[in-house]
Structure formats: C-alpha cells, structure tokens
Protein backbone atom coordinates (compact mmCIF):
# COMPACT_ATOMS: atom_id res chain seq x y z
CA MET A 1 0.00 0.00 0.00
CA SER A 2 1.45 3.35 -1.04
CA ASN A 3 1.80 6.20 1.41
CA TRP A 4 -0.26 9.36 1.24
CA GLU A 5 1.34 12.56 -0.04
CA GLN A 6 1.69 15.34 2.52
CA LYS A 7 0.75 18.92 1.63
CA LEU A 8 0.75 22.05 3.78
CA ILE A 9 -2.12 24.25 2.59
CA LYS A 10 -1.92 27.98 3.28
CA THR A 11 -5.41 29.39 3.85
CA ASP A 12 -6.85 32.66 5.17
CA ARG A 13 -7.44 30.82 8.48
CA GLY A 14 -3.91 29.45 8.81
CA ILE A 15 -1.89 26.52 7.49
CA PHE A 16 -3.45 23.05 7.42
CA GLU A 17 -1.73 19.72 6.91
CA VAL A 18 -3.41 17.56 4.29
CA PHE A 19 -2.60 14.08 3.01
CA THR A 20 -3.78 13.18 -0.46
CA LYS A 21 -4.11 9.96 -2.43
CA GLY A 22 -6.01 8.70 -5.47
CA ASN A 23 -7.26 10.24 -8.70
CA GLY A 24 -10.58 11.65 -9.80
CA GLU A 25 -13.01 14.17 -8.37
CA PRO A 26 -11.96 15.64 -4.99
CA ILE A 27 -13.39 14.35 -1.73
CA CYS A 28 -12.59 15.67 1.74
CA VAL A 29 -12.27 13.14 4.57
CA THR A 30 -11.59 14.01 8.19
CA HIS A 31 -12.37 13.06 11.79
CA HIS A 32 -12.98 15.51 14.61
CA TYR A 33 -10.00 14.52 16.80
CA SER A 34 -7.81 12.05 14.86
CA VAL A 35 -4.23 12.95 13.93
CA PHE A 36 -3.39 11.63 10.47
CA ASN A 37 0.01 11.00 8.89
CA LYS A 38 1.44 9.54 5.67
CA SER A 39 0.22 6.07 6.63
CA GLY A 40 -3.34 7.26 5.90
CA ASP A 41 -6.70 6.17 7.24
CA TYR A 42 -8.91 3.09 6.77
CA PHE A 43 -12.06 5.10 6.06
CA GLY A 44 -10.24 7.45 3.68
CA GLU A 45 -8.71 4.47 1.90
CA ALA A 46 -12.22 3.32 0.94
CA PHE A 47 -12.48 6.21 -1.54
CA THR A 48 -9.00 6.28 -3.11
CA GLY A 49 -10.00 3.97 -5.94
CA THR A 50 -12.55 6.44 -7.32
CA HIS A 51 -11.56 9.89 -6.01
CA GLN A 52 -8.67 12.13 -5.11
CA VAL A 53 -8.98 12.03 -1.34
CA PHE A 54 -7.91 14.96 0.84
CA LEU A 55 -7.38 13.71 4.39
CA VAL A 56 -7.36 16.86 6.54
CA ASN A 57 -5.61 17.30 9.87
CA LEU A 58 -7.76 19.78 11.75
CA ARG A 59 -6.59 22.56 14.04
CA GLU A 60 -4.30 21.20 16.83
CA ALA A 61 -3.68 18.00 14.84
CA GLY A 62 -0.33 17.19 13.25
CA GLN A 63 1.30 20.21 11.61
CA SER A 64 -1.96 22.10 11.19
CA GLU A 65 -2.67 25.50 12.71
CA ARG A 66 -2.85 25.72 16.49
CA ALA A 67 -5.94 27.00 18.31
CA HIS A 68 -5.43 30.61 19.37
CA ALA A 69 -8.65 30.46 21.44
CA SER A 70 -10.53 27.40 22.70
CA TYR A 71 -13.66 28.11 20.64
CA GLU A 72 -11.63 27.51 17.47
CA LEU A 73 -11.84 23.77 18.27
CA SER A 74 -15.65 23.78 18.01
CA MET A 75 -17.46 21.85 15.30
CA LEU A 76 -18.74 24.99 13.57
CA GLU A 77 -15.31 26.65 13.52
CA THR A 78 -13.89 23.41 12.17
CA VAL A 79 -16.30 23.58 9.23
CA PHE A 80 -15.12 27.15 8.59
CA ASP A 81 -11.56 25.77 8.47
CA LEU A 82 -12.58 23.05 6.00
CA GLU A 83 -14.17 25.68 3.76
CA ALA A 84 -10.92 27.66 3.88
CA VAL A 85 -8.98 24.56 2.80
CA ARG A 86 -11.40 23.93 -0.09
CA LYS A 87 -11.01 27.49 -1.34
CA ALA A 88 -7.22 27.39 -1.01
CA LEU A 89 -7.12 24.18 -3.06
CA GLY A 90 -9.11 25.95 -5.78
CA PHE A 91 -12.16 23.67 -5.83
CA GLU A 92 -15.57 25.18 -6.55
CA GLN A 93 -17.07 22.09 -4.92
CA TRP A 94 -15.88 18.82 -3.43
CA GLY A 95 -17.47 15.78 -1.86
CA PHE A 96 -17.29 15.11 1.87
CA ALA A 97 -17.15 11.74 3.60
CA GLY A 98 -17.02 11.39 7.36
CA HIS A 99 -17.11 8.47 9.78
CA SER A 100 -18.23 8.84 13.40
CA THR A 101 -17.37 12.38 14.58
CA GLY A 102 -16.21 13.05 11.03
CA GLY A 103 -19.79 12.36 9.97
CA MET A 104 -21.05 14.82 12.56
CA LEU A 105 -18.83 17.46 10.97
CA GLY A 106 -20.26 16.49 7.59
CA ILE A 107 -23.80 17.14 8.81
CA ILE A 108 -22.82 20.63 9.98
CA TYR A 109 -20.94 21.20 6.72
CA GLY A 110 -24.07 20.31 4.75
CA ILE A 111 -26.30 22.53 6.87
CA HIS A 112 -24.13 25.61 6.36
CA TYR A 113 -22.38 25.04 3.01
CA SER A 114 -24.45 22.76 0.77
CA GLU A 115 -23.41 24.93 -2.17
CA SER A 116 -19.78 23.88 -1.61
CA LEU A 117 -20.52 20.16 -1.67
CA GLN A 118 -21.18 17.69 -4.49
CA PHE A 119 -22.37 15.06 -2.01
CA LEU A 120 -22.23 13.90 1.60
CA ILE A 121 -21.37 10.40 2.80
CA ILE A 122 -22.08 9.94 6.52
CA ALA A 123 -21.11 6.66 8.23
CA GLY A 124 -21.85 5.69 11.84
CA ALA A 125 -22.69 9.22 13.00
CA ALA A 126 -25.44 11.31 14.60
CA ALA A 127 -26.98 14.77 14.38
CA ARG A 128 -27.20 15.14 18.16
CA GLU A 129 -25.62 13.94 21.37
CA TYR A 130 -25.92 10.17 21.22
CA ALA A 131 -25.15 8.77 24.68
CA THR A 132 -27.60 10.18 27.22
CA PHE A 133 -30.77 8.66 25.79
CA SER A 134 -29.45 5.41 24.33
CA ALA A 135 -28.38 2.50 26.51
CA ASN A 136 -27.16 0.93 23.24
CA CYS A 137 -24.31 3.45 23.23
CA ILE A 138 -21.01 2.45 24.77
CA TYR A 139 -20.66 5.99 26.16
CA ASN A 140 -23.86 5.56 28.19
CA GLN A 141 -23.17 4.49 31.77
CA ALA A 142 -25.73 1.69 31.45
CA HIS A 143 -23.73 0.01 28.70
CA PRO A 144 -21.75 -3.00 30.00
CA SER A 145 -18.52 -1.82 28.34
CA PHE A 146 -18.77 1.83 29.46
CA GLN A 147 -16.05 1.75 32.13
CA LYS A 148 -13.63 -0.18 29.97
CA MET A 149 -14.02 2.28 27.09
CA GLN A 150 -13.45 5.26 29.39
CA GLN A 151 -10.27 3.75 30.82
CA LEU A 152 -8.87 3.10 27.35
CA ILE A 153 -9.67 6.61 26.10
CA GLU A 154 -7.94 8.25 29.05
CA SER A 155 -4.88 6.02 28.63
CA LEU A 156 -4.60 6.85 24.93
CA LYS A 157 -4.50 10.60 25.69
CA ASN A 158 -1.08 10.13 27.29
CA PRO A 159 1.49 11.59 24.84
CA ASP A 160 4.33 9.63 26.51
CA LEU A 161 2.92 6.16 25.80
CA ALA A 162 5.41 3.74 24.25
CA GLU A 163 4.45 2.92 20.67
CA GLY A 164 3.82 -0.76 21.41
CA GLN A 165 1.66 0.08 24.40
CA ARG A 166 -0.34 2.63 22.39
CA LYS A 167 -0.91 0.08 19.64
CA ASN A 168 -2.20 -2.54 22.09
CA LEU A 169 -4.53 -0.11 23.88
CA SER A 170 -5.84 1.23 20.58
CA ALA A 171 -6.54 -2.29 19.35
CA GLU A 172 -8.40 -3.12 22.55
CA ARG A 173 -10.48 0.06 22.23
CA THR A 174 -11.34 -0.57 18.59
CA ALA A 175 -12.31 -4.21 19.20
CA LEU A 176 -15.07 -3.01 21.55
CA SER A 177 -16.76 -1.53 18.46
CA LEU A 178 -16.61 -4.58 16.20
CA TYR A 179 -19.52 -6.96 15.55
CA ARG A 180 -16.98 -9.77 15.84
CA PRO A 181 -14.04 -8.60 18.00
CA ASP A 182 -12.08 -11.71 17.03
CA ARG A 183 -11.75 -10.26 13.51
CA TYR A 184 -9.67 -7.30 14.70
CA SER A 185 -6.33 -8.55 13.32
CA GLU A 186 -7.93 -9.52 10.02
CA LEU A 187 -9.67 -6.16 9.54
CA PHE A 188 -6.96 -3.81 10.84
CA HIS A 189 -3.93 -5.30 9.13
CA LEU A 190 -2.52 -2.28 7.30
CA PRO A 191 0.40 -0.23 8.74
CA ILE A 192 -1.84 2.74 9.56
CA THR A 193 -0.78 4.63 12.69
CA LYS A 194 -3.23 7.34 13.72
CA THR A 195 -3.18 9.09 17.07
CA ILE A 196 -5.62 11.31 18.99
CA SER A 197 -5.46 15.06 19.57
CA ALA A 198 -6.15 15.35 23.29
CA ALA A 199 -6.96 19.09 22.97
CA ARG A 200 -9.57 18.43 20.28
CA MET A 201 -11.07 15.45 22.08
CA ASN A 202 -11.31 17.32 25.38
CA PHE A 203 -13.12 20.26 23.74
CA PHE A 204 -15.42 17.88 21.86
CA ASN A 205 -16.40 16.25 25.17
CA ARG A 206 -17.37 19.70 26.49
CA GLU A 207 -19.34 20.60 23.34
CA LEU A 208 -21.10 17.26 22.84
CA PRO A 209 -23.69 17.59 25.66
CA ILE A 210 -25.30 20.57 23.89
CA PHE A 211 -24.89 19.26 20.33
CA ASP A 212 -28.22 18.91 18.50
CA VAL A 213 -28.78 20.00 14.90
CA THR A 214 -31.71 17.65 14.17
CA ARG A 215 -34.11 20.54 13.48
CA LYS A 216 -31.73 21.87 10.83
CA LEU A 217 -31.34 18.65 8.85
CA SER A 218 -33.84 19.88 6.25
CA LEU A 219 -31.37 22.66 5.36
CA ILE A 220 -29.03 20.09 3.80
CA GLN A 221 -29.57 20.49 0.05
CA VAL A 222 -27.01 18.04 -1.29
CA PRO A 223 -27.26 14.33 -2.18
CA THR A 224 -26.58 12.42 1.05
CA LEU A 225 -25.75 8.78 1.72
CA ILE A 226 -26.12 7.52 5.29
CA LEU A 227 -24.50 4.23 6.29
CA CYS A 228 -24.63 2.47 9.65
CA GLY A 229 -23.93 -0.91 11.21
CA ARG A 230 -27.00 -2.42 12.85
CA HIS A 231 -24.93 -3.13 15.98
CA ASP A 232 -23.11 0.22 16.21
CA VAL A 233 -22.26 0.88 19.87
CA GLN A 234 -20.74 4.34 19.35
CA CYS A 235 -23.46 6.11 17.35
CA PRO A 236 -26.35 3.62 17.56
CA LEU A 237 -28.56 2.90 14.57
CA GLU A 238 -31.48 5.03 15.78
CA TYR A 239 -29.48 8.20 15.13
CA SER A 240 -28.82 7.28 11.50
CA LEU A 241 -32.53 6.49 11.07
CA GLU A 242 -33.27 9.93 12.47
CA MET A 243 -30.89 11.62 9.99
CA ASN A 244 -32.40 9.69 7.10
CA VAL A 245 -35.86 11.02 8.00
CA GLY A 246 -34.59 14.58 8.43
CA ILE A 247 -32.45 14.91 5.30
CA ARG A 248 -34.56 15.23 2.17
CA ASP A 249 -34.13 12.39 -0.35
CA SER A 250 -31.19 10.88 1.53
CA LYS A 251 -30.19 7.28 0.82
CA PHE A 252 -29.69 4.81 3.66
CA VAL A 253 -27.85 1.49 3.90
CA ILE A 254 -27.89 -0.72 7.02
CA PHE A 255 -25.13 -3.30 7.56
CA ASN A 256 -26.54 -6.27 9.44
CA GLU A 257 -23.17 -7.79 10.39
CA SER A 258 -21.36 -4.60 11.35
CA ASN A 259 -20.80 -2.54 14.45
CA HIS A 260 -19.03 0.83 14.03
CA TYR A 261 -16.80 -0.09 11.05
CA PRO A 262 -19.00 -1.25 8.13
CA PHE A 263 -16.37 -0.09 5.62
CA LEU A 264 -14.17 -2.90 6.99
CA GLU A 265 -16.62 -5.37 8.51
CA GLU A 266 -18.73 -5.57 5.31
CA LYS A 267 -16.28 -4.02 2.89
CA ASP A 268 -17.84 -5.23 -0.35
CA LYS A 269 -21.35 -4.18 0.62
CA PHE A 270 -20.01 -0.79 1.71
CA SER A 271 -18.15 -0.27 -1.60
CA ASN A 272 -21.21 -1.31 -3.59
CA GLY A 273 -23.46 1.04 -1.62
CA VAL A 274 -21.14 3.98 -2.20
CA ALA A 275 -20.69 3.11 -5.89
CA SER A 276 -24.46 2.87 -6.42
CA PHE A 277 -24.99 6.23 -4.71
CA LEU A 278 -22.27 7.96 -6.74
CA LYS A 279 -23.56 6.44 -9.98
CA GLU A 280 -26.99 7.97 -9.37
CA LEU A 281 -25.36 11.39 -9.11
C-alpha cells in the first residue's frame, strides 16, 4: 500500500496539513479529533479507488494551525476551516465523507455550506448527542462496556505512551466496536498509525452535551448517503434512522453484520453502496 502525499495548505485561516491519495473528483475526509500522517486512514482508503482524497488534519492535529482560542476547536469553527482549505485548493465544490465524529462534521458542513458540496457520505454518525438517551451506546453508563471504554480513552490521551503500548490499547479500544471482535487482526492489518489530539477530544467532550442540529437537517440540500452498522455501539442505529428522516431524499444502507466499522466489517457491501450512490449522481 502506497503512502499518502503530505501537503501544507496555506489558507486565510492558517496553514493546514493535508494528506492526499487517489485520482478523480476531490473528496474531503476528516475526523474531529484524529491525527493523520502519511500512513493514511482506513475510512479514507475506501475512496481512493474512485476519487482524489484529501485527508485533513484539523486545528491542533499534526502540523496544522494551532488553536489561538478554545472556541476555534468547536465543530462549527472546524467547518469554517474546511471551507478555507477547499477554497485554497481551488475547488468550486468537493465531496465530503465522514465516519463517526467526522460524519457529525459532515452534517454541519451540509447545513451551512451545501453549495460547496457535491455530495455527503455519513457513516456511523449522529446529528445530536448520542449517549444520554441510548443504553445501546457504549458511552452511556448503562452500557456494559462503558467503564472499559473510558479507561482506554484516558490512557490513549497520554502523549508519553510507548508505541507498542499505544498500539495494544488502541486495538483493545477498537475491538469493543466490532460486531466480531475476534476479527480485529484480520480487519486492521494495514500499517496505519493514527493518534488522537487530546486538545480536540477534550473540547469535543465539552461541546457534545449541547450538540443537536436535528431541526436543521432539512437545510441540507445536497445528495446524502447515510451508512450504519446495525450493531453500532458508538453512534447507535437510531441516530442514522433519524438523519435519514430529516435529510430530504437521503439514501440509507444498514449493515446487518457490522458494528461501528461497516467499511471494513462488510467491505464489499459498503463499496457497492457507495458506488451505487455515486452512480446515481
């Protein structure tokens, strides 16, 4: 697997580190608190066969601009940054694909800047805070794996973790969100080495309790594909069903043998669903 090409993009909101791979129409892929590098990203990799993918390190991630005030780490400000990157790259429009918190950013992007987007692909996400009212969510205290997940998240925030230790903890955390945890080694076999921006994650945890854009979903005026594993423990299925109802003419695919990673757990079905959606465009 070839590495991604690093670019530093100078925008009117600062410099942002971007990794690009593939050929074709441009598509932006990001996650709200991941730190990407040249090894890439599993979700981003799903689109490199059909598009030129721009994997964006957000503010406080990698070599991207720092936050000069805490509010600059908010979801809305992050969308402003993504718009600045799009303009600096010279694209009139691009597609956006986001998984998990990346999908949450995509929803906000579509609400505010549908005119900048060719399409939205939202996988395993939600348009509002997803833990308080769903015992199916692993971030709800009633979920049997709640404490374990919290311990792993806090451990992974430690910047001084040895690489081997970080890898083991990350694997343990990810396996909690697989339909079949025993498939972890089979599914996550590529040399991809992402980390977490503690500053971004900490701000997200402060912002999440008041996050709810469900009443604005009708403002999204761009073709939208929603994908979700039936057994998703991070952003449970009910939140994708809710987005599908709220976003006009959106398409929806459920993956019956997937948890939070349908693009790996049911890779062929995921690829076919995306291809069918893009063909209709």
